[in-house]
Amino acid sequence: MANSRSGDSMTERIVRVLDTFSTDRTLQTASQISRRSGLPSSTAHRIVDDLVTVGLLERDDDHRVRLGLRLWELALRGSTALRLRQAALVQMQAVQELVREHTQLAVLEQDEALFLERLSHPDAGANITRIAGRLPLHASSSGLVLLAYAPDEVRERVLGGQLRALTPETVTDAAELRRLLAEVRRAGHVVAPGTVETVSTGVAVPIRDADEVIAALSVVLPREARPDAAISALHRAARRIEASLGRSLP
């Protein structure tokens, strides 16, 4: 792919355009995309037109664009994330029937917890997580599990970076976080009260494929709820998901 004057390849510029979309920002004009991506207006408009032509973006009657079905279709073809979600969904439903709050599935992606699925009861308490949304590894129960079992270089990069507090109870001291991660590995789960929202407690366990942790299964409970039953249900579900993955993943 040809480089721009700034040194960006065409692929990098396309990714910058697509990265301007989020779960909260699903419709944009080309001018807004230009501003948010940092691309020149003419470049952003040209890339948007090209992506609309091939179906990766769709344009509405007001000339705003959204992510297209073609992008969704391509993302799902042969996706390990899709197979993981399919293997996990039945067991997530079983956990959700017990907790009747929020049950979530997350993977490690670019030093963040990326959520592939979330089941929520209509009367459940607070939860800021969304499908295809992200949370910092150090601040969420899923993230803490993923960070505890991450490769050493990932863990050191996160611990050496900025550890932003989402609430007063988010652990932001690297030494304290190291001790917490060691405890997660020892116990095989984490209970994280108030780290994302002060009114909630996150509980998470690892999901393994062979000896590698590939995902975290979690629930979000009201702060006052006891986590014991949820911990048992999550471990039971994780074992069953792992058995299913062993049969379905190459």
Foldseek 3Di string as FASTA:
>chain_A
DDADPVRHDPVRLLVLLVVVDDPVRFKAALVVSCVSSVHPSVVSVVSVVVCCVVFQWPADPVRIIGGGVVVVVVCPVVHPLVVLCVLQVVLQVVLCVVQQAKKWKWFDDPQWTATQDMDGHPPHDDDPDDHRDTDHLQQAQFSLQNLLQDPPVSVVVSLPDAQDAQFPQRDGHSVVSVVQSVVCVVVQKDWRACRNHNQKIKIWGFADQVPHGGMIMIGIHGRPDDCVVSNVSRVVSSVSSNVVCNVPPD
